Amino acid sequence: MNALKKFFIGAAAIISLCTGCGGGEAKPVEVPEQNSEPIAKARMISIDIGDRTFDAVLENNLTAAEFFNRLPIELDLHELNGNEKYFRFADRFTVNDFNPKTIRAGDLMIYNGSYFVLFYETFATSFSYTRLGRIENPNGLSEAVGSGDIHVRIIPK
């Protein structure tokens, strides 16, 4: 009985300490403020097509970071469907595909993990892509790329 008495006295002491700690009401837990900085600063690039230069901003994602790390680069883009130019890389990018429903002139995308695509017309799509970036001002892009294959130089800004 002596051990049981000690147990009850100890339990009562713990309970009184705990109820005195918070006044019986729940307190919000302090959560450290999350880092609000973006994963990386906006990455700007220049795309040289013939005698024209178009400035673009890359997305803040892993795919864009992988692409940016390959720059500067020169690519021979092939014509497709009268609205896009593409280049197939030998290796794959990390992707997060989605269907944008509408492609806009100036969109830069990765298709199927290894195709860099520069869109120069706006149209509806049922295909899925990973967004890479966007040409800031696509005015004159369609004329600059023309109707056939083209050579482009892409450099970090």
Protein backbone atom coordinates (compact mmCIF):
# COMPACT_ATOMS: atom_id res chain seq x y z
CA MET A 1 0.00 0.00 0.00
CA ASN A 2 2.91 2.30 0.62
CA ALA A 3 4.03 2.00 -3.04
CA LEU A 4 0.50 2.72 -4.25
CA LYS A 5 0.31 5.81 -2.04
CA LYS A 6 3.64 7.09 -3.48
CA PHE A 7 2.31 6.50 -7.01
CA PHE A 8 -0.85 8.57 -6.39
CA ILE A 9 1.14 11.39 -4.76
CA GLY A 10 3.58 11.44 -7.70
CA ALA A 11 0.75 11.40 -10.25
CA ALA A 12 -1.02 14.25 -8.45
CA ALA A 13 2.17 16.30 -8.47
CA ILE A 14 2.68 15.75 -12.22
CA ILE A 15 -0.94 16.67 -12.97
CA SER A 16 -0.71 19.87 -10.94
CA LEU A 17 2.52 20.83 -12.68
CA CYS A 18 1.02 20.23 -16.13
CA THR A 19 -2.18 22.17 -15.49
CA GLY A 20 -0.18 25.07 -14.12
CA CYS A 21 2.00 25.18 -17.25
CA GLY A 22 -0.50 26.42 -19.73
CA GLY A 23 -3.36 27.61 -17.66
CA GLY A 24 -5.36 24.75 -19.15
CA GLU A 25 -5.73 26.31 -22.60
CA ALA A 26 -4.00 25.31 -25.83
CA LYS A 27 -1.28 27.61 -27.09
CA PRO A 28 -0.39 27.83 -30.75
CA VAL A 29 2.85 26.13 -31.63
CA GLU A 30 5.50 28.46 -32.95
CA VAL A 31 6.36 27.32 -36.47
CA PRO A 32 9.53 28.80 -37.93
CA GLU A 33 8.77 31.07 -40.86
CA GLN A 34 9.28 29.22 -44.13
CA ASN A 35 11.82 30.55 -46.54
CA SER A 36 9.84 32.73 -48.94
CA GLU A 37 12.76 33.06 -51.34
CA PRO A 38 12.17 31.37 -54.69
CA ILE A 39 14.17 28.24 -55.46
CA ALA A 40 16.32 30.34 -57.75
CA LYS A 41 16.28 33.89 -58.97
CA ALA A 42 14.54 34.44 -62.30
CA ARG A 43 16.78 33.19 -65.05
CA MET A 44 16.83 35.38 -68.12
CA ILE A 45 17.99 34.14 -71.50
CA SER A 46 18.42 35.56 -74.98
CA ILE A 47 17.40 33.62 -78.06
CA ASP A 48 19.16 34.73 -81.25
CA ILE A 49 17.26 33.86 -84.43
CA GLY A 50 19.01 35.23 -87.51
CA ASP A 51 19.50 38.94 -86.88
CA ARG A 52 16.75 39.10 -84.22
CA THR A 53 17.14 38.61 -80.47
CA PHE A 54 14.26 37.65 -78.19
CA ASP A 55 14.54 37.87 -74.40
CA ALA A 56 12.88 35.16 -72.35
CA VAL A 57 12.44 34.34 -68.69
CA LEU A 58 12.71 30.75 -67.57
CA GLU A 59 10.33 29.17 -65.08
CA ASN A 60 11.33 28.57 -61.49
CA ASN A 61 11.45 24.77 -61.75
CA LEU A 62 13.97 21.95 -61.96
CA THR A 63 13.51 21.52 -65.72
CA ALA A 64 14.39 25.16 -66.38
CA ALA A 65 17.39 24.93 -64.06
CA GLU A 66 18.65 21.88 -65.97
CA PHE A 67 18.15 23.71 -69.27
CA PHE A 68 19.88 26.85 -67.99
CA ASN A 69 22.90 24.78 -66.91
CA ARG A 70 23.40 23.70 -70.55
CA LEU A 71 23.77 27.28 -71.79
CA PRO A 72 25.17 28.76 -73.93
CA ILE A 73 23.96 26.42 -76.64
CA GLU A 74 23.29 26.43 -80.38
CA LEU A 75 20.45 24.32 -81.74
CA ASP A 76 19.04 23.44 -85.14
CA LEU A 77 15.28 23.60 -84.65
CA HIS A 78 12.98 21.67 -86.98
CA GLU A 79 9.62 22.95 -88.23
CA LEU A 80 6.45 21.18 -87.09
CA ASN A 81 2.77 21.90 -87.80
CA GLY A 82 3.27 25.52 -88.86
CA ASN A 83 3.26 26.67 -85.23
CA GLU A 84 6.36 25.31 -83.51
CA LYS A 85 10.07 24.59 -83.84
CA TYR A 86 11.69 21.73 -81.92
CA PHE A 87 15.01 20.12 -81.05
CA ARG A 88 15.46 16.64 -79.57
CA PHE A 89 18.12 16.34 -76.86
CA ALA A 90 19.89 12.98 -76.57
CA ASP A 91 19.23 12.85 -72.83
CA ARG A 92 16.09 13.59 -70.82
CA PHE A 93 15.12 16.44 -68.53
CA THR A 94 13.35 16.06 -65.21
CA VAL A 95 9.75 16.86 -66.14
CA ASN A 96 6.40 17.66 -64.60
CA ASP A 97 4.02 17.43 -67.57
CA PHE A 98 0.61 19.08 -67.69
CA ASN A 99 -1.83 20.07 -70.40
CA PRO A 100 -1.89 23.88 -70.74
CA LYS A 101 -5.02 23.71 -72.96
CA THR A 102 -3.73 26.75 -74.89
CA ILE A 103 -0.24 27.28 -76.23
CA ARG A 104 0.74 30.93 -76.66
CA ALA A 105 3.22 32.35 -79.13
CA GLY A 106 6.50 32.64 -77.26
CA ASP A 107 5.98 29.63 -74.98
CA LEU A 108 9.07 27.50 -74.38
CA MET A 109 8.26 23.91 -73.37
CA ILE A 110 9.78 20.49 -72.96
CA TYR A 111 7.79 17.72 -74.63
CA ASN A 112 8.16 14.03 -73.79
CA GLY A 113 11.19 14.69 -71.57
CA SER A 114 13.69 15.46 -74.32
CA TYR A 115 12.16 17.81 -76.90
CA PHE A 116 12.79 21.55 -76.55
CA VAL A 117 9.89 23.34 -78.24
CA LEU A 118 9.62 27.00 -79.21
CA PHE A 119 6.05 27.92 -80.13
CA TYR A 120 5.53 30.84 -82.49
CA GLU A 121 1.74 30.70 -82.90
CA THR A 122 -1.14 30.57 -80.40
CA PHE A 123 -3.43 27.52 -80.57
CA ALA A 124 -5.41 25.00 -78.49
CA THR A 125 -3.68 21.75 -77.59
CA SER A 126 -4.48 18.35 -76.10
CA PHE A 127 -0.80 17.49 -75.54
CA SER A 128 1.08 17.68 -72.25
CA TYR A 129 4.32 19.58 -71.69
CA THR A 130 6.61 20.81 -68.96
CA ARG A 131 6.77 24.60 -68.94
CA LEU A 132 10.31 25.85 -69.50
CA GLY A 133 9.77 29.58 -69.94
CA ARG A 134 8.34 32.32 -72.09
CA ILE A 135 9.60 34.89 -74.56
CA GLU A 136 8.74 38.23 -72.99
CA ASN A 137 7.71 39.98 -76.22
CA PRO A 138 6.92 37.54 -79.04
CA ASN A 139 6.04 40.30 -81.54
CA GLY A 140 7.79 39.43 -84.81
CA LEU A 141 8.64 35.90 -83.65
CA SER A 142 6.63 34.20 -86.40
CA GLU A 143 8.39 36.26 -89.08
CA ALA A 144 11.80 35.65 -87.53
CA VAL A 145 11.43 31.85 -87.47
CA GLY A 146 9.92 31.60 -90.95
CA SER A 147 8.51 28.39 -92.37
CA GLY A 148 11.48 26.01 -92.33
CA ASP A 149 14.16 24.71 -90.03
CA ILE A 150 16.22 27.33 -88.22
CA HIS A 151 19.44 27.71 -86.27
CA VAL A 152 19.22 29.44 -82.87
CA ARG A 153 21.71 30.48 -80.24
CA ILE A 154 20.51 30.57 -76.64
CA ILE A 155 22.63 32.36 -74.05
CA PRO A 156 22.16 33.31 -70.41
CA LYS A 157 21.53 37.00 -69.79
